[in-house]
mmCIF file of all heavy atoms, coordinates in Angstrom:
data_MODEL
# 
_entry.id   MODEL 
# 
loop_
_atom_site.group_PDB 
_atom_site.id 
_atom_site.type_symbol 
_atom_site.label_atom_id 
_atom_site.label_alt_id 
_atom_site.label_comp_id 
_atom_site.label_asym_id 
_atom_site.label_entity_id 
_atom_site.label_seq_id 
_atom_site.pdbx_PDB_ins_code 
_atom_site.Cartn_x 
_atom_site.Cartn_y 
_atom_site.Cartn_z 
_atom_site.occupancy 
_atom_site.B_iso_or_equiv 
_atom_site.pdbx_formal_charge 
_atom_site.auth_seq_id 
_atom_site.auth_comp_id 
_atom_site.auth_asym_id 
_atom_site.auth_atom_id 
_atom_site.pdbx_PDB_model_num 
ATOM 1   N N   . ALA A 1 1  ? 17.613 -44.973 -13.673 1.00 0.00 ? 1  ALA A N   1 
ATOM 2   C CA  . ALA A 1 1  ? 17.419 -43.826 -14.554 1.00 0.00 ? 1  ALA A CA  1 
ATOM 3   C C   . ALA A 1 1  ? 17.539 -44.228 -16.026 1.00 0.00 ? 1  ALA A C   1 
ATOM 4   O O   . ALA A 1 1  ? 16.758 -43.773 -16.880 1.00 0.00 ? 1  ALA A O   1 
ATOM 5   C CB  . ALA A 1 1  ? 18.429 -42.733 -14.205 1.00 0.00 ? 1  ALA A CB  1 
ATOM 6   N N   . ARG A 1 2  ? 18.474 -45.079 -16.339 1.00 0.00 ? 2  ARG A N   1 
ATOM 7   C CA  . ARG A 1 2  ? 18.615 -45.547 -17.723 1.00 0.00 ? 2  ARG A CA  1 
ATOM 8   C C   . ARG A 1 2  ? 17.397 -46.361 -18.155 1.00 0.00 ? 2  ARG A C   1 
ATOM 9   O O   . ARG A 1 2  ? 16.922 -46.225 -19.292 1.00 0.00 ? 2  ARG A O   1 
ATOM 10  C CB  . ARG A 1 2  ? 19.888 -46.369 -17.871 1.00 0.00 ? 2  ARG A CB  1 
ATOM 11  C CG  . ARG A 1 2  ? 20.115 -46.919 -19.276 1.00 0.00 ? 2  ARG A CG  1 
ATOM 12  C CD  . ARG A 1 2  ? 21.391 -47.723 -19.360 1.00 0.00 ? 2  ARG A CD  1 
ATOM 13  N NE  . ARG A 1 2  ? 22.556 -46.892 -19.275 1.00 0.00 ? 2  ARG A NE  1 
ATOM 14  C CZ  . ARG A 1 2  ? 23.087 -46.217 -20.308 1.00 0.00 ? 2  ARG A CZ  1 
ATOM 15  N NH1 . ARG A 1 2  ? 22.516 -46.263 -21.499 1.00 0.00 ? 2  ARG A NH1 1 
ATOM 16  N NH2 . ARG A 1 2  ? 24.165 -45.490 -20.134 1.00 0.00 ? 2  ARG A NH2 1 
ATOM 17  N N   . ARG A 1 3  ? 16.918 -47.195 -17.256 1.00 0.00 ? 3  ARG A N   1 
ATOM 18  C CA  . ARG A 1 3  ? 15.756 -48.013 -17.603 1.00 0.00 ? 3  ARG A CA  1 
ATOM 19  C C   . ARG A 1 3  ? 14.519 -47.135 -17.856 1.00 0.00 ? 3  ARG A C   1 
ATOM 20  O O   . ARG A 1 3  ? 13.745 -47.379 -18.791 1.00 0.00 ? 3  ARG A O   1 
ATOM 21  C CB  . ARG A 1 3  ? 15.474 -49.006 -16.473 1.00 0.00 ? 3  ARG A CB  1 
ATOM 22  C CG  . ARG A 1 3  ? 14.405 -50.028 -16.788 1.00 0.00 ? 3  ARG A CG  1 
ATOM 23  C CD  . ARG A 1 3  ? 14.316 -51.057 -15.689 1.00 0.00 ? 3  ARG A CD  1 
ATOM 24  N NE  . ARG A 1 3  ? 13.316 -52.078 -15.976 1.00 0.00 ? 3  ARG A NE  1 
ATOM 25  C CZ  . ARG A 1 3  ? 13.526 -53.138 -16.747 1.00 0.00 ? 3  ARG A CZ  1 
ATOM 26  N NH1 . ARG A 1 3  ? 14.705 -53.330 -17.306 1.00 0.00 ? 3  ARG A NH1 1 
ATOM 27  N NH2 . ARG A 1 3  ? 12.553 -54.018 -16.959 1.00 0.00 ? 3  ARG A NH2 1 
ATOM 28  N N   . ALA A 1 4  ? 14.355 -46.124 -17.023 1.00 0.00 ? 4  ALA A N   1 
ATOM 29  C CA  . ALA A 1 4  ? 13.234 -45.202 -17.244 1.00 0.00 ? 4  ALA A CA  1 
ATOM 30  C C   . ALA A 1 4  ? 13.391 -44.442 -18.556 1.00 0.00 ? 4  ALA A C   1 
ATOM 31  O O   . ALA A 1 4  ? 12.401 -44.209 -19.277 1.00 0.00 ? 4  ALA A O   1 
ATOM 32  C CB  . ALA A 1 4  ? 13.133 -44.226 -16.068 1.00 0.00 ? 4  ALA A CB  1 
ATOM 33  N N   . PHE A 1 5  ? 14.619 -44.055 -18.899 1.00 0.00 ? 5  PHE A N   1 
ATOM 34  C CA  . PHE A 1 5  ? 14.856 -43.338 -20.157 1.00 0.00 ? 5  PHE A CA  1 
ATOM 35  C C   . PHE A 1 5  ? 14.580 -44.231 -21.366 1.00 0.00 ? 5  PHE A C   1 
ATOM 36  O O   . PHE A 1 5  ? 13.982 -43.786 -22.355 1.00 0.00 ? 5  PHE A O   1 
ATOM 37  C CB  . PHE A 1 5  ? 16.302 -42.831 -20.172 1.00 0.00 ? 5  PHE A CB  1 
ATOM 38  C CG  . PHE A 1 5  ? 16.734 -42.289 -21.498 1.00 0.00 ? 5  PHE A CG  1 
ATOM 39  C CD1 . PHE A 1 5  ? 16.241 -41.081 -21.960 1.00 0.00 ? 5  PHE A CD1 1 
ATOM 40  C CD2 . PHE A 1 5  ? 17.644 -42.980 -22.294 1.00 0.00 ? 5  PHE A CD2 1 
ATOM 41  C CE1 . PHE A 1 5  ? 16.636 -40.574 -23.190 1.00 0.00 ? 5  PHE A CE1 1 
ATOM 42  C CE2 . PHE A 1 5  ? 18.037 -42.483 -23.511 1.00 0.00 ? 5  PHE A CE2 1 
ATOM 43  C CZ  . PHE A 1 5  ? 17.543 -41.275 -23.965 1.00 0.00 ? 5  PHE A CZ  1 
ATOM 44  N N   . GLU A 1 6  ? 15.031 -45.475 -21.307 1.00 0.00 ? 6  GLU A N   1 
ATOM 45  C CA  . GLU A 1 6  ? 14.800 -46.379 -22.437 1.00 0.00 ? 6  GLU A CA  1 
ATOM 46  C C   . GLU A 1 6  ? 13.319 -46.700 -22.623 1.00 0.00 ? 6  GLU A C   1 
ATOM 47  O O   . GLU A 1 6  ? 12.867 -46.937 -23.748 1.00 0.00 ? 6  GLU A O   1 
ATOM 48  C CB  . GLU A 1 6  ? 15.590 -47.671 -22.227 1.00 0.00 ? 6  GLU A CB  1 
ATOM 49  C CG  . GLU A 1 6  ? 17.098 -47.480 -22.312 1.00 0.00 ? 6  GLU A CG  1 
ATOM 50  C CD  . GLU A 1 6  ? 17.859 -48.744 -21.996 1.00 0.00 ? 6  GLU A CD  1 
ATOM 51  O OE1 . GLU A 1 6  ? 17.200 -49.721 -21.557 1.00 0.00 ? 6  GLU A OE1 1 
ATOM 52  O OE2 . GLU A 1 6  ? 19.089 -48.767 -22.190 1.00 0.00 ? 6  GLU A OE2 1 
ATOM 53  N N   . ARG A 1 7  ? 12.562 -46.717 -21.526 1.00 0.00 ? 7  ARG A N   1 
ATOM 54  C CA  . ARG A 1 7  ? 11.134 -46.984 -21.629 1.00 0.00 ? 7  ARG A CA  1 
ATOM 55  C C   . ARG A 1 7  ? 10.321 -45.731 -21.946 1.00 0.00 ? 7  ARG A C   1 
ATOM 56  O O   . ARG A 1 7  ? 9.128  -45.826 -22.251 1.00 0.00 ? 7  ARG A O   1 
ATOM 57  C CB  . ARG A 1 7  ? 10.621 -47.596 -20.322 1.00 0.00 ? 7  ARG A CB  1 
ATOM 58  C CG  . ARG A 1 7  ? 11.115 -49.002 -20.075 1.00 0.00 ? 7  ARG A CG  1 
ATOM 59  C CD  . ARG A 1 7  ? 10.512 -49.542 -18.794 1.00 0.00 ? 7  ARG A CD  1 
ATOM 60  N NE  . ARG A 1 7  ? 10.834 -50.957 -18.600 1.00 0.00 ? 7  ARG A NE  1 
ATOM 61  C CZ  . ARG A 1 7  ? 10.380 -51.686 -17.586 1.00 0.00 ? 7  ARG A CZ  1 
ATOM 62  N NH1 . ARG A 1 7  ? 9.593  -51.118 -16.681 1.00 0.00 ? 7  ARG A NH1 1 
ATOM 63  N NH2 . ARG A 1 7  ? 10.710 -52.950 -17.483 1.00 0.00 ? 7  ARG A NH2 1 
ATOM 64  N N   . GLY A 1 8  ? 10.937 -44.557 -21.796 1.00 0.00 ? 8  GLY A N   1 
ATOM 65  C CA  . GLY A 1 8  ? 10.213 -43.326 -22.045 1.00 0.00 ? 8  GLY A CA  1 
ATOM 66  C C   . GLY A 1 8  ? 9.278  -42.934 -20.931 1.00 0.00 ? 8  GLY A C   1 
ATOM 67  O O   . GLY A 1 8  ? 8.264  -42.262 -21.172 1.00 0.00 ? 8  GLY A O   1 
ATOM 68  N N   . THR A 1 9  ? 9.600  -43.318 -19.692 1.00 0.00 ? 9  THR A N   1 
ATOM 69  C CA  . THR A 1 9  ? 8.765  -42.981 -18.540 1.00 0.00 ? 9  THR A CA  1 
ATOM 70  C C   . THR A 1 9  ? 9.431  -41.871 -17.725 1.00 0.00 ? 9  THR A C   1 
ATOM 71  O O   . THR A 1 9  ? 10.663 -41.728 -17.731 1.00 0.00 ? 9  THR A O   1 
ATOM 72  C CB  . THR A 1 9  ? 8.560  -44.213 -17.647 1.00 0.00 ? 9  THR A CB  1 
ATOM 73  O OG1 . THR A 1 9  ? 9.842  -44.711 -17.230 1.00 0.00 ? 9  THR A OG1 1 
ATOM 74  C CG2 . THR A 1 9  ? 7.827  -45.310 -18.412 1.00 0.00 ? 9  THR A CG2 1 
ATOM 75  N N   . PRO A 1 10 ? 8.663  -41.072 -16.993 1.00 0.00 ? 10 PRO A N   1 
ATOM 76  C CA  . PRO A 1 10 ? 9.254  -40.007 -16.161 1.00 0.00 ? 10 PRO A CA  1 
ATOM 77  C C   . PRO A 1 10 ? 10.142 -40.589 -15.065 1.00 0.00 ? 10 PRO A C   1 
ATOM 78  O O   . PRO A 1 10 ? 9.958  -41.719 -14.611 1.00 0.00 ? 10 PRO A O   1 
ATOM 79  C CB  . PRO A 1 10 ? 8.027  -39.293 -15.577 1.00 0.00 ? 10 PRO A CB  1 
ATOM 80  C CG  . PRO A 1 10 ? 6.895  -39.646 -16.501 1.00 0.00 ? 10 PRO A CG  1 
ATOM 81  C CD  . PRO A 1 10 ? 7.199  -41.029 -16.989 1.00 0.00 ? 10 PRO A CD  1 
ATOM 82  N N   . LEU A 1 11 ? 11.078 -39.788 -14.620 1.00 0.00 ? 11 LEU A N   1 
ATOM 83  C CA  . LEU A 1 11 ? 12.011 -40.243 -13.582 1.00 0.00 ? 11 LEU A CA  1 
ATOM 84  C C   . LEU A 1 11 ? 11.350 -40.299 -12.212 1.00 0.00 ? 11 LEU A C   1 
ATOM 85  O O   . LEU A 1 11 ? 11.658 -41.183 -11.412 1.00 0.00 ? 11 LEU A O   1 
ATOM 86  C CB  . LEU A 1 11 ? 13.233 -39.321 -13.537 1.00 0.00 ? 11 LEU A CB  1 
ATOM 87  C CG  . LEU A 1 11 ? 14.186 -39.405 -14.729 1.00 0.00 ? 11 LEU A CG  1 
ATOM 88  C CD1 . LEU A 1 11 ? 15.294 -38.372 -14.576 1.00 0.00 ? 11 LEU A CD1 1 
ATOM 89  C CD2 . LEU A 1 11 ? 14.772 -40.804 -14.853 1.00 0.00 ? 11 LEU A CD2 1 
ATOM 90  N N   . GLY A 1 12 ? 10.475 -39.356 -11.913 1.00 0.00 ? 12 GLY A N   1 
ATOM 91  C CA  . GLY A 1 12 ? 9.827  -39.353 -10.610 1.00 0.00 ? 12 GLY A CA  1 
ATOM 92  C C   . GLY A 1 12 ? 10.826 -39.071 -9.487  1.00 0.00 ? 12 GLY A C   1 
ATOM 93  O O   . GLY A 1 12 ? 11.591 -38.103 -9.524  1.00 0.00 ? 12 GLY A O   1 
ATOM 94  N N   . TYR A 1 13 ? 10.838 -39.941 -8.477  1.00 0.00 ? 13 TYR A N   1 
ATOM 95  C CA  . TYR A 1 13 ? 11.718 -39.742 -7.317  1.00 0.00 ? 13 TYR A CA  1 
ATOM 96  C C   . TYR A 1 13 ? 13.194 -39.885 -7.684  1.00 0.00 ? 13 TYR A C   1 
ATOM 97  O O   . TYR A 1 13 ? 14.066 -39.453 -6.924  1.00 0.00 ? 13 TYR A O   1 
ATOM 98  C CB  . TYR A 1 13 ? 11.375 -40.745 -6.221  1.00 0.00 ? 13 TYR A CB  1 
ATOM 99  C CG  . TYR A 1 13 ? 11.806 -42.146 -6.518  1.00 0.00 ? 13 TYR A CG  1 
ATOM 100 C CD1 . TYR A 1 13 ? 13.028 -42.642 -6.051  1.00 0.00 ? 13 TYR A CD1 1 
ATOM 101 C CD2 . TYR A 1 13 ? 11.007 -42.995 -7.283  1.00 0.00 ? 13 TYR A CD2 1 
ATOM 102 C CE1 . TYR A 1 13 ? 13.435 -43.925 -6.320  1.00 0.00 ? 13 TYR A CE1 1 
ATOM 103 C CE2 . TYR A 1 13 ? 11.410 -44.279 -7.568  1.00 0.00 ? 13 TYR A CE2 1 
ATOM 104 C CZ  . TYR A 1 13 ? 12.610 -44.740 -7.080  1.00 0.00 ? 13 TYR A CZ  1 
ATOM 105 O OH  . TYR A 1 13 ? 13.018 -46.019 -7.368  1.00 0.00 ? 13 TYR A OH  1 
ATOM 106 N N   . LEU A 1 14 ? 13.482 -40.476 -8.838  1.00 0.00 ? 14 LEU A N   1 
ATOM 107 C CA  . LEU A 1 14 ? 14.881 -40.645 -9.238  1.00 0.00 ? 14 LEU A CA  1 
ATOM 108 C C   . LEU A 1 14 ? 15.564 -39.306 -9.518  1.00 0.00 ? 14 LEU A C   1 
ATOM 109 O O   . LEU A 1 14 ? 16.797 -39.217 -9.466  1.00 0.00 ? 14 LEU A O   1 
ATOM 110 C CB  . LEU A 1 14 ? 14.973 -41.537 -10.477 1.00 0.00 ? 14 LEU A CB  1 
ATOM 111 C CG  . LEU A 1 14 ? 14.613 -43.010 -10.274 1.00 0.00 ? 14 LEU A CG  1 
ATOM 112 C CD1 . LEU A 1 14 ? 14.626 -43.750 -11.597 1.00 0.00 ? 14 LEU A CD1 1 
ATOM 113 C CD2 . LEU A 1 14 ? 15.561 -43.670 -9.283  1.00 0.00 ? 14 LEU A CD2 1 
ATOM 114 N N   . SER A 1 15 ? 14.780 -38.279 -9.821  1.00 0.00 ? 15 SER A N   1 
ATOM 115 C CA  . SER A 1 15 ? 15.386 -36.960 -10.058 1.00 0.00 ? 15 SER A CA  1 
ATOM 116 C C   . SER A 1 15 ? 16.106 -36.463 -8.807  1.00 0.00 ? 15 SER A C   1 
ATOM 117 O O   . SER A 1 15 ? 17.244 -35.978 -8.873  1.00 0.00 ? 15 SER A O   1 
ATOM 118 C CB  . SER A 1 15 ? 14.304 -35.967 -10.478 1.00 0.00 ? 15 SER A CB  1 
ATOM 119 O OG  . SER A 1 15 ? 13.671 -36.391 -11.674 1.00 0.00 ? 15 SER A OG  1 
ATOM 120 N N   . ALA A 1 16 ? 15.461 -36.591 -7.659  1.00 0.00 ? 16 ALA A N   1 
ATOM 121 C CA  . ALA A 1 16 ? 16.105 -36.159 -6.408  1.00 0.00 ? 16 ALA A CA  1 
ATOM 122 C C   . ALA A 1 16 ? 17.308 -37.030 -6.084  1.00 0.00 ? 16 ALA A C   1 
ATOM 123 O O   . ALA A 1 16 ? 18.343 -36.535 -5.595  1.00 0.00 ? 16 ALA A O   1 
ATOM 124 C CB  . ALA A 1 16 ? 15.090 -36.192 -5.265  1.00 0.00 ? 16 ALA A CB  1 
ATOM 125 N N   . GLN A 1 17 ? 17.222 -38.333 -6.349  1.00 0.00 ? 17 GLN A N   1 
ATOM 126 C CA  . GLN A 1 17 ? 18.356 -39.225 -6.096  1.00 0.00 ? 17 GLN A CA  1 
ATOM 127 C C   . GLN A 1 17 ? 19.539 -38.877 -6.991  1.00 0.00 ? 17 GLN A C   1 
ATOM 128 O O   . GLN A 1 17 ? 20.701 -38.912 -6.550  1.00 0.00 ? 17 GLN A O   1 
ATOM 129 C CB  . GLN A 1 17 ? 17.929 -40.673 -6.311  1.00 0.00 ? 17 GLN A CB  1 
ATOM 130 C CG  . GLN A 1 17 ? 16.972 -41.201 -5.258  1.00 0.00 ? 17 GLN A CG  1 
ATOM 131 C CD  . GLN A 1 17 ? 17.653 -41.355 -3.915  1.00 0.00 ? 17 GLN A CD  1 
ATOM 132 O OE1 . GLN A 1 17 ? 18.832 -41.680 -3.837  1.00 0.00 ? 17 GLN A OE1 1 
ATOM 133 N NE2 . GLN A 1 17 ? 16.906 -41.089 -2.841  1.00 0.00 ? 17 GLN A NE2 1 
ATOM 134 N N   . LEU A 1 18 ? 19.268 -38.536 -8.248  1.00 0.00 ? 18 LEU A N   1 
ATOM 135 C CA  . LEU A 1 18 ? 20.352 -38.153 -9.155  1.00 0.00 ? 18 LEU A CA  1 
ATOM 136 C C   . LEU A 1 18 ? 21.025 -36.870 -8.679  1.00 0.00 ? 18 LEU A C   1 
ATOM 137 O O   . LEU A 1 18 ? 22.259 -36.747 -8.720  1.00 0.00 ? 18 LEU A O   1 
ATOM 138 C CB  . LEU A 1 18 ? 19.806 -37.973 -10.574 1.00 0.00 ? 18 LEU A CB  1 
ATOM 139 C CG  . LEU A 1 18 ? 19.363 -39.246 -11.300 1.00 0.00 ? 18 LEU A CG  1 
ATOM 140 C CD1 . LEU A 1 18 ? 18.707 -38.904 -12.631 1.00 0.00 ? 18 LEU A CD1 1 
ATOM 141 C CD2 . LEU A 1 18 ? 20.548 -40.179 -11.531 1.00 0.00 ? 18 LEU A CD2 1 
ATOM 142 N N   . GLN A 1 19 ? 20.229 -35.908 -8.222  1.00 0.00 ? 19 GLN A N   1 
ATOM 143 C CA  . GLN A 1 19 ? 20.803 -34.667 -7.715  1.00 0.00 ? 19 GLN A CA  1 
ATOM 144 C C   . GLN A 1 19 ? 21.639 -34.919 -6.468  1.00 0.00 ? 19 GLN A C   1 
ATOM 145 O O   . GLN A 1 19 ? 22.723 -34.342 -6.304  1.00 0.00 ? 19 GLN A O   1 
ATOM 146 C CB  . GLN A 1 19 ? 19.670 -33.675 -7.387  1.00 0.00 ? 19 GLN A CB  1 
ATOM 147 C CG  . GLN A 1 19 ? 18.964 -33.109 -8.611  1.00 0.00 ? 19 GLN A CG  1 
ATOM 148 C CD  . GLN A 1 19 ? 19.790 -32.021 -9.292  1.00 0.00 ? 19 GLN A CD  1 
ATOM 149 O OE1 . GLN A 1 19 ? 20.923 -31.725 -8.903  1.00 0.00 ? 19 GLN A OE1 1 
ATOM 150 N NE2 . GLN A 1 19 ? 19.221 -31.438 -10.321 1.00 0.00 ? 19 GLN A NE2 1 
ATOM 151 N N   . GLN A 1 20 ? 21.157 -35.785 -5.591  1.00 0.00 ? 20 GLN A N   1 
ATOM 152 C CA  . GLN A 1 20 ? 21.852 -36.023 -4.322  1.00 0.00 ? 20 GLN A CA  1 
ATOM 153 C C   . GLN A 1 20 ? 23.168 -36.764 -4.530  1.00 0.00 ? 20 GLN A C   1 
ATOM 154 O O   . GLN A 1 20 ? 24.172 -36.434 -3.880  1.00 0.00 ? 20 GLN A O   1 
ATOM 155 C CB  . GLN A 1 20 ? 20.940 -36.820 -3.393  1.00 0.00 ? 20 GLN A CB  1 
ATOM 156 C CG  . GLN A 1 20 ? 21.587 -37.191 -2.058  1.00 0.00 ? 20 GLN A CG  1 
ATOM 157 C CD  . GLN A 1 20 ? 20.661 -38.019 -1.181  1.00 0.00 ? 20 GLN A CD  1 
ATOM 158 O OE1 . GLN A 1 20 ? 19.492 -38.222 -1.519  1.00 0.00 ? 20 GLN A OE1 1 
ATOM 159 N NE2 . GLN A 1 20 ? 21.182 -38.498 -0.071  1.00 0.00 ? 20 GLN A NE2 1 
ATOM 160 N N   . ARG A 1 21 ? 23.184 -37.744 -5.422  1.00 0.00 ? 21 ARG A N   1 
ATOM 161 C CA  . ARG A 1 21 ? 24.361 -38.606 -5.549  1.00 0.00 ? 21 ARG A CA  1 
ATOM 162 C C   . ARG A 1 21 ? 25.344 -38.142 -6.620  1.00 0.00 ? 21 ARG A C   1 
ATOM 163 O O   . ARG A 1 21 ? 26.544 -38.442 -6.523  1.00 0.00 ? 21 ARG A O   1 
ATOM 164 C CB  . ARG A 1 21 ? 23.929 -40.039 -5.836  1.00 0.00 ? 21 ARG A CB  1 
ATOM 165 C CG  . ARG A 1 21 ? 23.107 -40.641 -4.716  1.00 0.00 ? 21 ARG A CG  1 
ATOM 166 C CD  . ARG A 1 21 ? 22.780 -42.087 -4.976  1.00 0.00 ? 21 ARG A CD  1 
ATOM 167 N NE  . ARG A 1 21 ? 21.992 -42.648 -3.882  1.00 0.00 ? 21 ARG A NE  1 
ATOM 168 C CZ  . ARG A 1 21 ? 22.495 -43.106 -2.750  1.00 0.00 ? 21 ARG A CZ  1 
ATOM 169 N NH1 . ARG A 1 21 ? 23.791 -43.073 -2.558  1.00 0.00 ? 21 ARG A NH1 1 
ATOM 170 N NH2 . ARG A 1 21 ? 21.700 -43.589 -1.798  1.00 0.00 ? 21 ARG A NH2 1 
ATOM 171 N N   . PHE A 1 22 ? 24.888 -37.443 -7.642  1.00 0.00 ? 22 PHE A N   1 
ATOM 172 C CA  . PHE A 1 22 ? 25.787 -37.064 -8.738  1.00 0.00 ? 22 PHE A CA  1 
ATOM 173 C C   . PHE A 1 22 ? 25.796 -35.576 -9.028  1.00 0.00 ? 22 PHE A C   1 
ATOM 174 O O   . PHE A 1 22 ? 26.554 -35.133 -9.896  1.00 0.00 ? 22 PHE A O   1 
ATOM 175 C CB  . PHE A 1 22 ? 25.378 -37.804 -10.032 1.00 0.00 ? 22 PHE A CB  1 
ATOM 176 C CG  . PHE A 1 22 ? 25.258 -39.287 -9.866  1.00 0.00 ? 22 PHE A CG  1 
ATOM 177 C CD1 . PHE A 1 22 ? 24.018 -39.899 -9.831  1.00 0.00 ? 22 PHE A CD1 1 
ATOM 178 C CD2 . PHE A 1 22 ? 26.388 -40.083 -9.748  1.00 0.00 ? 22 PHE A CD2 1 
ATOM 179 C CE1 . PHE A 1 22 ? 23.893 -41.271 -9.686  1.00 0.00 ? 22 PHE A CE1 1 
ATOM 180 C CE2 . PHE A 1 22 ? 26.277 -41.455 -9.590  1.00 0.00 ? 22 PHE A CE2 1 
ATOM 181 C CZ  . PHE A 1 22 ? 25.027 -42.048 -9.566  1.00 0.00 ? 22 PHE A CZ  1 
ATOM 182 N N   . GLY A 1 23 ? 24.975 -34.800 -8.315  1.00 0.00 ? 23 GLY A N   1 
ATOM 183 C CA  . GLY A 1 23 ? 24.907 -33.371 -8.619  1.00 0.00 ? 23 GLY A CA  1 
ATOM 184 C C   . GLY A 1 23 ? 26.220 -32.648 -8.403  1.00 0.00 ? 23 GLY A C   1 
ATOM 185 O O   . GLY A 1 23 ? 26.605 -31.783 -9.203  1.00 0.00 ? 23 GLY A O   1 
ATOM 186 N N   . ALA A 1 24 ? 26.940 -32.988 -7.349  1.00 0.00 ? 24 ALA A N   1 
ATOM 187 C CA  . ALA A 1 24 ? 28.202 -32.301 -7.065  1.00 0.00 ? 24 ALA A CA  1 
ATOM 188 C C   . ALA A 1 24 ? 29.308 -32.730 -8.019  1.00 0.00 ? 24 ALA A C   1 
ATOM 189 O O   . ALA A 1 24 ? 30.207 -31.941 -8.331  1.00 0.00 ? 24 ALA A O   1 
ATOM 190 C CB  . ALA A 1 24 ? 28.627 -32.567 -5.619  1.00 0.00 ? 24 ALA A CB  1 
ATOM 191 N N   . ALA A 1 25 ? 29.266 -33.965 -8.503  1.00 0.00 ? 25 ALA A N   1 
ATOM 192 C CA  . ALA A 1 25 ? 30.347 -34.471 -9.367  1.00 0.00 ? 25 ALA A CA  1 
ATOM 193 C C   . ALA A 1 25 ? 30.145 -34.082 -10.828 1.00 0.00 ? 25 ALA A C   1 
ATOM 194 O O   . ALA A 1 25 ? 31.114 -33.726 -11.515 1.00 0.00 ? 25 ALA A O   1 
ATOM 195 C CB  . ALA A 1 25 ? 30.426 -35.998 -9.237  1.00 0.00 ? 25 ALA A CB  1 
ATOM 196 N N   . ASP A 1 26 ? 28.910 -34.153 -11.331 1.00 0.00 ? 26 ASP A N   1 
ATOM 197 C CA  . ASP A 1 26 ? 28.652 -33.838 -12.744 1.00 0.00 ? 26 ASP A CA  1 
ATOM 198 C C   . ASP A 1 26 ? 27.234 -33.282 -12.849 1.00 0.00 ? 26 ASP A C   1 
ATOM 199 O O   . ASP A 1 26 ? 26.283 -33.998 -13.185 1.00 0.00 ? 26 ASP A O   1 
ATOM 200 C CB  . ASP A 1 26 ? 28.808 -35.088 -13.612 1.00 0.00 ? 26 ASP A CB  1 
ATOM 201 C CG  . ASP A 1 26 ? 28.942 -34.754 -15.092 1.00 0.00 ? 26 ASP A CG  1 
ATOM 202 O OD1 . ASP A 1 26 ? 28.511 -33.656 -15.488 1.00 0.00 ? 26 ASP A OD1 1 
ATOM 203 O OD2 . ASP A 1 26 ? 29.468 -35.595 -15.851 1.00 0.00 ? 26 ASP A OD2 1 
ATOM 204 N N   . ALA A 1 27 ? 27.108 -31.996 -12.576 1.00 0.00 ? 27 ALA A N   1 
ATOM 205 C CA  . ALA A 1 27 ? 25.784 -31.360 -12.614 1.00 0.00 ? 27 ALA A CA  1 
ATOM 206 C C   . ALA A 1 27 ? 25.231 -31.317 -14.024 1.00 0.00 ? 27 ALA A C   1 
ATOM 207 O O   . ALA A 1 27 ? 24.003 -31.409 -14.228 1.00 0.00 ? 27 ALA A O   1 
ATOM 208 C CB  . ALA A 1 27 ? 25.870 -29.956 -12.027 1.00 0.00 ? 27 ALA A CB  1 
ATOM 209 N N   . GLY A 1 28 ? 26.091 -31.200 -15.046 1.00 0.00 ? 28 GLY A N   1 
ATOM 210 C CA  . GLY A 1 28 ? 25.625 -31.136 -16.426 1.00 0.00 ? 28 GLY A CA  1 
ATOM 211 C C   . GLY A 1 28 ? 24.948 -32.420 -16.870 1.00 0.00 ? 28 GLY A C   1 
ATOM 212 O O   . GLY A 1 28 ? 23.891 -32.396 -17.514 1.00 0.00 ? 28 GLY A O   1 
ATOM 213 N N   . ALA A 1 29 ? 25.547 -33.556 -16.521 1.00 0.00 ? 29 ALA A N   1 
ATOM 214 C CA  . ALA A 1 29 ? 24.955 -34.838 -16.902 1.00 0.00 ? 29 ALA A CA  1 
ATOM 215 C C   . ALA A 1 29 ? 23.622 -35.048 -16.203 1.00 0.00 ? 29 ALA A C   1 
ATOM 216 O O   . ALA A 1 29 ? 22.650 -35.533 -16.808 1.00 0.00 ? 29 ALA A O   1 
ATOM 217 C CB  . ALA A 1 29 ? 25.916 -35.973 -16.562 1.00 0.00 ? 29 ALA A CB  1 
ATOM 218 N N   . VAL A 1 30 ? 23.549 -34.661 -14.922 1.00 0.00 ? 30 VAL A N   1 
ATOM 219 C CA  . VAL A 1 30 ? 22.299 -34.815 -14.181 1.00 0.00 ? 30 VAL A CA  1 
ATOM 220 C C   . VAL A 1 30 ? 21.211 -33.931 -14.803 1.00 0.00 ? 30 VAL A C   1 
ATOM 221 O O   . VAL A 1 30 ? 20.060 -34.366 -14.979 1.00 0.00 ? 30 VAL A O   1 
ATOM 222 C CB  . VAL A 1 30 ? 22.510 -34.455 -12.704 1.00 0.00 ? 30 VAL A CB  1 
ATOM 223 C CG1 . VAL A 1 30 ? 21.176 -34.447 -11.957 1.00 0.00 ? 30 VAL A CG1 1 
ATOM 224 C CG2 . VAL A 1 30 ? 23.468 -35.444 -12.044 1.00 0.00 ? 30 VAL A CG2 1 
# 
């Protein structure tokens, strides 16, 4: 996710992975 952000590219499938792995712990950051 950081690499995609630094390059300015869309997250794509990483959005679902971020929700699955970090959504419950820090929904605001996701």
